[in-house]
């Protein structure tokens, strides 16, 4: 358990129980999140090894919508497997503190070191399809990512560094440009536009 987790669970709380509690209390933003929340909780209750890749049908992941201090730019990476600009994040791989996973993945994938949660609450939920692909010489069959997304903040002044085994570039985009940068239509329409809409509503005091 790293320092982030120690700070958050110093009172002795269980990370798995905390994850389930947060998901149950999360108020869906739209119908997509309503349905995906139901599916995600069903998987958590009935599937084995859901926090590891041992479950080859579906497993937990954590993503981040990384914004600057002004909340008018988003940090994205050009993902090698998906051949597209995308948000940052990765597999839980046994770590049930998904906020810690999201922060760690942002640091590893972008090179930024000063990353903080705008809120420790869940920012969005998604069930994502992953097509079969080759990774490090091994074929990975199609499966589902049960994804929890957090809103994180990083400084634009920090140097960026790509992670060659996962991405080929890292860059800041204006909010609308971040959506257009993606070459994945489903993500543009159902994920990135939604994340920006929530961000804009929060800035205007409507959330």
C-alpha atoms as a PDB file:
ATOM      1  CA  UNK A   1       0.000   0.000   0.000  1.00  0.00           C
ATOM      2  CA  UNK A   2       1.514   3.330  -1.046  1.00  0.00           C
ATOM      3  CA  UNK A   3       1.358   6.654   0.819  1.00  0.00           C
ATOM      4  CA  UNK A   4      -1.777   7.813  -0.978  1.00  0.00           C
ATOM      5  CA  UNK A   5      -3.641   4.752   0.233  1.00  0.00           C
ATOM      6  CA  UNK A   6      -2.218   4.991   3.772  1.00  0.00           C
ATOM      7  CA  UNK A   7      -3.429   8.568   4.062  1.00  0.00           C
ATOM      8  CA  UNK A   8      -6.914   7.680   2.870  1.00  0.00           C
ATOM      9  CA  UNK A   9      -7.381   4.475   4.892  1.00  0.00           C
ATOM     10  CA  UNK A  10      -5.588   5.457   8.079  1.00  0.00           C
ATOM     11  CA  UNK A  11      -8.793   4.836  10.049  1.00  0.00           C
ATOM     12  CA  UNK A  12      -8.711   1.151   9.088  1.00  0.00           C
ATOM     13  CA  UNK A  13     -11.325   1.207   6.346  1.00  0.00           C
ATOM     14  CA  UNK A  14     -11.371  -1.590   3.783  1.00  0.00           C
ATOM     15  CA  UNK A  15     -10.524  -0.429   0.220  1.00  0.00           C
ATOM     16  CA  UNK A  16     -12.840  -2.977  -1.423  1.00  0.00           C
ATOM     17  CA  UNK A  17     -15.762  -1.970   0.777  1.00  0.00           C
ATOM     18  CA  UNK A  18     -14.981   1.714   0.218  1.00  0.00           C
ATOM     19  CA  UNK A  19     -14.962   1.180  -3.562  1.00  0.00           C
ATOM     20  CA  UNK A  20     -18.356  -0.552  -3.475  1.00  0.00           C
ATOM     21  CA  UNK A  21     -19.748   2.104  -1.153  1.00  0.00           C
ATOM     22  CA  UNK A  22     -18.671   4.919  -3.465  1.00  0.00           C
ATOM     23  CA  UNK A  23     -20.144   3.226  -6.516  1.00  0.00           C
ATOM     24  CA  UNK A  24     -23.449   2.544  -4.742  1.00  0.00           C
ATOM     25  CA  UNK A  25     -23.675   6.167  -3.585  1.00  0.00           C
ATOM     26  CA  UNK A  26     -22.671   7.609  -6.942  1.00  0.00           C
ATOM     27  CA  UNK A  27     -25.514   9.497  -8.633  1.00  0.00           C
ATOM     28  CA  UNK A  28     -25.521   8.668 -12.376  1.00  0.00           C
ATOM     29  CA  UNK A  29     -25.229  11.593 -14.759  1.00  0.00           C
ATOM     30  CA  UNK A  30     -27.301  10.039 -17.544  1.00  0.00           C
ATOM     31  CA  UNK A  31     -28.933   6.807 -18.686  1.00  0.00           C
ATOM     32  CA  UNK A  32     -25.612   5.341 -19.829  1.00  0.00           C
ATOM     33  CA  UNK A  33     -24.266   5.697 -16.301  1.00  0.00           C
ATOM     34  CA  UNK A  34     -27.479   4.334 -14.756  1.00  0.00           C
ATOM     35  CA  UNK A  35     -27.248   1.130 -16.778  1.00  0.00           C
ATOM     36  CA  UNK A  36     -23.487   0.804 -16.397  1.00  0.00           C
ATOM     37  CA  UNK A  37     -23.698   1.337 -12.631  1.00  0.00           C
ATOM     38  CA  UNK A  38     -26.190  -1.532 -12.367  1.00  0.00           C
ATOM     39  CA  UNK A  39     -23.973  -3.785 -14.477  1.00  0.00           C
ATOM     40  CA  UNK A  40     -20.818  -2.834 -12.593  1.00  0.00           C
ATOM     41  CA  UNK A  41     -22.360  -3.545  -9.177  1.00  0.00           C
ATOM     42  CA  UNK A  42     -23.700  -6.871 -10.429  1.00  0.00           C
ATOM     43  CA  UNK A  43     -20.205  -7.848 -11.544  1.00  0.00           C
ATOM     44  CA  UNK A  44     -18.676  -6.767  -8.230  1.00  0.00           C
ATOM     45  CA  UNK A  45     -21.173  -8.892  -6.336  1.00  0.00           C
ATOM     46  CA  UNK A  46     -21.096 -12.006  -8.513  1.00  0.00           C
ATOM     47  CA  UNK A  47     -17.789 -12.205 -10.389  1.00  0.00           C
ATOM     48  CA  UNK A  48     -14.521 -13.595  -9.036  1.00  0.00           C
ATOM     49  CA  UNK A  49     -11.144 -11.850  -9.417  1.00  0.00           C
ATOM     50  CA  UNK A  50     -12.896  -8.701 -10.641  1.00  0.00           C
ATOM     51  CA  UNK A  51      -9.990  -6.486  -9.558  1.00  0.00           C
ATOM     52  CA  UNK A  52      -7.432  -8.512 -11.505  1.00  0.00           C
ATOM     53  CA  UNK A  53      -6.917  -9.593 -15.077  1.00  0.00           C
ATOM     54  CA  UNK A  54      -7.461 -13.187 -13.981  1.00  0.00           C
ATOM     55  CA  UNK A  55     -11.081 -12.489 -14.846  1.00  0.00           C
ATOM     56  CA  UNK A  56     -10.691 -12.482 -18.604  1.00  0.00           C
ATOM     57  CA  UNK A  57     -14.278 -11.426 -19.327  1.00  0.00           C
ATOM     58  CA  UNK A  58     -14.410  -8.243 -17.217  1.00  0.00           C
ATOM     59  CA  UNK A  59     -12.189  -6.462 -14.691  1.00  0.00           C
ATOM     60  CA  UNK A  60     -11.884  -3.152 -12.888  1.00  0.00           C
ATOM     61  CA  UNK A  61      -9.988  -0.201 -14.330  1.00  0.00           C
ATOM     62  CA  UNK A  62      -9.488   3.397 -13.233  1.00  0.00           C
ATOM     63  CA  UNK A  63      -9.315   6.385 -15.563  1.00  0.00           C
ATOM     64  CA  UNK A  64      -8.695  10.087 -15.059  1.00  0.00           C
ATOM     65  CA  UNK A  65      -9.936  13.263 -16.705  1.00  0.00           C
ATOM     66  CA  UNK A  66      -6.865  15.359 -15.951  1.00  0.00           C
ATOM     67  CA  UNK A  67      -7.466  19.107 -16.036  1.00  0.00           C
ATOM     68  CA  UNK A  68      -5.283  22.161 -15.478  1.00  0.00           C
ATOM     69  CA  UNK A  69      -5.837  24.675 -12.668  1.00  0.00           C
ATOM     70  CA  UNK A  70      -8.079  26.841 -14.880  1.00  0.00           C
ATOM     71  CA  UNK A  71     -10.184  23.802 -15.881  1.00  0.00           C
ATOM     72  CA  UNK A  72      -9.954  24.736 -19.556  1.00  0.00           C
ATOM     73  CA  UNK A  73      -7.483  22.070 -20.733  1.00  0.00           C
ATOM     74  CA  UNK A  74      -7.259  18.290 -20.539  1.00  0.00           C
ATOM     75  CA  UNK A  75      -4.158  16.075 -20.527  1.00  0.00           C
ATOM     76  CA  UNK A  76      -4.287  13.175 -22.993  1.00  0.00           C
ATOM     77  CA  UNK A  77      -1.971  10.504 -24.344  1.00  0.00           C
ATOM     78  CA  UNK A  78      -1.785   8.950 -27.802  1.00  0.00           C
ATOM     79  CA  UNK A  79      -2.532   5.329 -26.971  1.00  0.00           C
ATOM     80  CA  UNK A  80      -0.586   2.776 -29.014  1.00  0.00           C
ATOM     81  CA  UNK A  81      -3.152  -0.039 -28.935  1.00  0.00           C
ATOM     82  CA  UNK A  82      -6.181   2.138 -29.716  1.00  0.00           C
ATOM     83  CA  UNK A  83      -4.246   4.360 -32.155  1.00  0.00           C
ATOM     84  CA  UNK A  84      -6.000   7.401 -30.725  1.00  0.00           C
ATOM     85  CA  UNK A  85      -5.632  10.274 -28.304  1.00  0.00           C
ATOM     86  CA  UNK A  86      -7.314   9.147 -25.092  1.00  0.00           C
ATOM     87  CA  UNK A  87      -7.704   9.790 -21.398  1.00  0.00           C
ATOM     88  CA  UNK A  88      -5.196   8.337 -18.943  1.00  0.00           C
ATOM     89  CA  UNK A  89      -5.703   5.287 -16.770  1.00  0.00           C
ATOM     90  CA  UNK A  90      -5.195   1.569 -16.460  1.00  0.00           C
ATOM     91  CA  UNK A  91      -5.970  -1.754 -14.787  1.00  0.00           C
ATOM     92  CA  UNK A  92      -6.538  -2.091 -11.055  1.00  0.00           C
ATOM     93  CA  UNK A  93      -4.333  -5.221 -11.019  1.00  0.00           C
ATOM     94  CA  UNK A  94      -5.416  -6.135  -7.512  1.00  0.00           C
ATOM     95  CA  UNK A  95      -5.390  -2.618  -6.072  1.00  0.00           C
ATOM     96  CA  UNK A  96      -8.868  -1.860  -4.762  1.00  0.00           C
ATOM     97  CA  UNK A  97      -8.158   1.824  -4.141  1.00  0.00           C
ATOM     98  CA  UNK A  98      -9.114   3.013  -7.602  1.00  0.00           C
ATOM     99  CA  UNK A  99      -8.328   6.663  -6.921  1.00  0.00           C
ATOM    100  CA  UNK A 100      -4.762   5.666  -6.091  1.00  0.00           C
ATOM    101  CA  UNK A 101      -4.685   3.595  -9.286  1.00  0.00           C
ATOM    102  CA  UNK A 102      -5.832   6.568 -11.361  1.00  0.00           C
ATOM    103  CA  UNK A 103      -3.205   8.887  -9.853  1.00  0.00           C
ATOM    104  CA  UNK A 104      -0.444   6.341 -10.312  1.00  0.00           C
ATOM    105  CA  UNK A 105      -1.404   5.673 -13.931  1.00  0.00           C
ATOM    106  CA  UNK A 106      -1.414   9.386 -14.743  1.00  0.00           C
ATOM    107  CA  UNK A 107       2.074   9.750 -13.292  1.00  0.00           C
ATOM    108  CA  UNK A 108       3.410   6.709 -15.150  1.00  0.00           C
ATOM    109  CA  UNK A 109       1.772   7.504 -18.487  1.00  0.00           C
ATOM    110  CA  UNK A 110       2.484  11.238 -18.638  1.00  0.00           C
ATOM    111  CA  UNK A 111       5.585  11.869 -16.534  1.00  0.00           C
ATOM    112  CA  UNK A 112       3.851  14.474 -14.342  1.00  0.00           C
ATOM    113  CA  UNK A 113       4.521  14.082 -10.637  1.00  0.00           C
ATOM    114  CA  UNK A 114       2.217  16.619  -8.986  1.00  0.00           C
ATOM    115  CA  UNK A 115      -1.243  15.156  -9.459  1.00  0.00           C
ATOM    116  CA  UNK A 116      -4.088  15.732  -7.032  1.00  0.00           C
ATOM    117  CA  UNK A 117      -7.763  14.782  -6.985  1.00  0.00           C
ATOM    118  CA  UNK A 118     -10.137  17.686  -7.509  1.00  0.00           C
ATOM    119  CA  UNK A 119     -12.443  15.476  -5.462  1.00  0.00           C
ATOM    120  CA  UNK A 120     -12.042  11.979  -4.039  1.00  0.00           C
ATOM    121  CA  UNK A 121     -15.573  11.234  -5.238  1.00  0.00           C
ATOM    122  CA  UNK A 122     -16.162   9.261  -8.435  1.00  0.00           C
ATOM    123  CA  UNK A 123     -16.449  11.512 -11.494  1.00  0.00           C
ATOM    124  CA  UNK A 124     -18.010   9.039 -13.933  1.00  0.00           C
ATOM    125  CA  UNK A 125     -18.718   5.359 -14.551  1.00  0.00           C
ATOM    126  CA  UNK A 126     -18.446   3.371 -17.770  1.00  0.00           C
ATOM    127  CA  UNK A 127     -18.508  -0.207 -18.990  1.00  0.00           C
ATOM    128  CA  UNK A 128     -16.047  -0.207 -21.882  1.00  0.00           C
ATOM    129  CA  UNK A 129     -15.549  -2.796 -24.613  1.00  0.00           C
ATOM    130  CA  UNK A 130     -11.988  -3.753 -25.484  1.00  0.00           C
ATOM    131  CA  UNK A 131     -11.397  -5.477 -28.819  1.00  0.00           C
ATOM    132  CA  UNK A 132      -8.970  -8.360 -28.994  1.00  0.00           C
ATOM    133  CA  UNK A 133      -5.373  -7.192 -29.532  1.00  0.00           C
ATOM    134  CA  UNK A 134      -1.725  -8.118 -29.240  1.00  0.00           C
ATOM    135  CA  UNK A 135       0.263  -6.833 -26.256  1.00  0.00           C
ATOM    136  CA  UNK A 136       3.924  -7.647 -25.600  1.00  0.00           C
ATOM    137  CA  UNK A 137       3.697 -10.603 -27.972  1.00  0.00           C
ATOM    138  CA  UNK A 138       0.582 -12.080 -26.349  1.00  0.00           C
ATOM    139  CA  UNK A 139      -2.923 -12.063 -27.798  1.00  0.00           C
ATOM    140  CA  UNK A 140      -5.518 -10.580 -25.424  1.00  0.00           C
ATOM    141  CA  UNK A 141      -9.092 -11.671 -26.134  1.00  0.00           C
ATOM    142  CA  UNK A 142     -11.925  -9.147 -26.297  1.00  0.00           C
ATOM    143  CA  UNK A 143     -13.287  -8.252 -22.861  1.00  0.00           C
ATOM    144  CA  UNK A 144     -14.886  -5.511 -20.746  1.00  0.00           C
ATOM    145  CA  UNK A 145     -13.335  -2.785 -18.616  1.00  0.00           C
ATOM    146  CA  UNK A 146     -15.469  -1.883 -15.606  1.00  0.00           C
ATOM    147  CA  UNK A 147     -14.249   1.658 -15.350  1.00  0.00           C
ATOM    148  CA  UNK A 148     -14.307   4.251 -12.579  1.00  0.00           C
ATOM    149  CA  UNK A 149     -13.137   7.727 -13.582  1.00  0.00           C
ATOM    150  CA  UNK A 150     -11.828  10.498 -11.309  1.00  0.00           C
ATOM    151  CA  UNK A 151     -11.325  14.204 -11.925  1.00  0.00           C
ATOM    152  CA  UNK A 152      -7.666  15.033 -11.292  1.00  0.00           C
ATOM    153  CA  UNK A 153      -5.607  18.211 -11.580  1.00  0.00           C
ATOM    154  CA  UNK A 154      -2.015  18.586 -12.811  1.00  0.00           C
ATOM    155  CA  UNK A 155       0.173  21.565 -13.597  1.00  0.00           C
ATOM    156  CA  UNK A 156       0.734  22.594 -17.206  1.00  0.00           C
ATOM    157  CA  UNK A 157       4.253  23.694 -16.313  1.00  0.00           C
ATOM    158  CA  UNK A 158       5.395  20.151 -15.550  1.00  0.00           C
ATOM    159  CA  UNK A 159       7.468  18.403 -18.238  1.00  0.00           C
ATOM    160  CA  UNK A 160       5.649  15.638 -20.082  1.00  0.00           C
ATOM    161  CA  UNK A 161       7.159  12.263 -20.868  1.00  0.00           C
ATOM    162  CA  UNK A 162       5.628   9.491 -22.957  1.00  0.00           C
ATOM    163  CA  UNK A 163       5.569   5.856 -21.839  1.00  0.00           C
ATOM    164  CA  UNK A 164       6.829   4.092 -24.990  1.00  0.00           C
ATOM    165  CA  UNK A 165       5.293   0.701 -24.228  1.00  0.00           C
ATOM    166  CA  UNK A 166       1.851   2.301 -23.952  1.00  0.00           C
ATOM    167  CA  UNK A 167       1.765   5.664 -25.707  1.00  0.00           C
ATOM    168  CA  UNK A 168       3.681   7.648 -28.296  1.00  0.00           C
ATOM    169  CA  UNK A 169       2.832  11.210 -27.163  1.00  0.00           C
ATOM    170  CA  UNK A 170       1.365  13.225 -24.287  1.00  0.00           C
ATOM    171  CA  UNK A 171      -0.164  16.700 -24.671  1.00  0.00           C
ATOM    172  CA  UNK A 172      -2.620  19.239 -23.278  1.00  0.00           C
ATOM    173  CA  UNK A 173      -5.771  20.025 -25.283  1.00  0.00           C
ATOM    174  CA  UNK A 174      -8.500  22.626 -24.940  1.00  0.00           C
ATOM    175  CA  UNK A 175     -11.712  20.902 -23.809  1.00  0.00           C
ATOM    176  CA  UNK A 176     -13.431  20.711 -27.192  1.00  0.00           C
ATOM    177  CA  UNK A 177     -10.151  19.915 -28.940  1.00  0.00           C
ATOM    178  CA  UNK A 178      -9.674  16.943 -26.621  1.00  0.00           C
ATOM    179  CA  UNK A 179     -12.922  15.448 -27.882  1.00  0.00           C
ATOM    180  CA  UNK A 180     -12.044  16.049 -31.530  1.00  0.00           C
ATOM    181  CA  UNK A 181      -8.551  14.615 -31.044  1.00  0.00           C
ATOM    182  CA  UNK A 182      -9.996  11.173 -30.348  1.00  0.00           C
ATOM    183  CA  UNK A 183     -10.413   8.898 -33.356  1.00  0.00           C
ATOM    184  CA  UNK A 184     -12.863   6.663 -31.467  1.00  0.00           C
ATOM    185  CA  UNK A 185     -16.446   7.779 -32.221  1.00  0.00           C
ATOM    186  CA  UNK A 186     -18.030   6.013 -29.252  1.00  0.00           C
ATOM    187  CA  UNK A 187     -15.612   7.601 -26.804  1.00  0.00           C
ATOM    188  CA  UNK A 188     -16.124  11.029 -28.334  1.00  0.00           C
ATOM    189  CA  UNK A 189     -19.916  10.867 -28.073  1.00  0.00           C
ATOM    190  CA  UNK A 190     -20.467   8.875 -24.889  1.00  0.00           C
ATOM    191  CA  UNK A 191     -17.430   9.574 -22.710  1.00  0.00           C
ATOM    192  CA  UNK A 192     -15.341  12.652 -23.519  1.00  0.00           C
ATOM    193  CA  UNK A 193     -18.271  14.944 -24.351  1.00  0.00           C
ATOM    194  CA  UNK A 194     -19.974  13.816 -21.143  1.00  0.00           C
ATOM    195  CA  UNK A 195     -16.872  14.505 -19.031  1.00  0.00           C
ATOM    196  CA  UNK A 196     -16.554  17.999 -20.498  1.00  0.00           C
ATOM    197  CA  UNK A 197     -20.248  18.671 -20.017  1.00  0.00           C
ATOM    198  CA  UNK A 198     -19.963  17.773 -16.340  1.00  0.00           C
ATOM    199  CA  UNK A 199     -16.888  19.967 -16.015  1.00  0.00           C
ATOM    200  CA  UNK A 200     -18.603  22.955 -17.617  1.00  0.00           C
ATOM    201  CA  UNK A 201     -21.685  22.511 -15.474  1.00  0.00           C
ATOM    202  CA  UNK A 202     -19.546  22.377 -12.330  1.00  0.00           C
ATOM    203  CA  UNK A 203     -17.778  25.596 -13.332  1.00  0.00           C
ATOM    204  CA  UNK A 204     -21.112  27.319 -13.880  1.00  0.00           C
ATOM    205  CA  UNK A 205     -22.429  26.110 -10.540  1.00  0.00           C
ATOM    206  CA  UNK A 206     -25.098  23.844 -11.996  1.00  0.00           C
ATOM    207  CA  UNK A 207     -23.762  20.694 -10.309  1.00  0.00           C
END
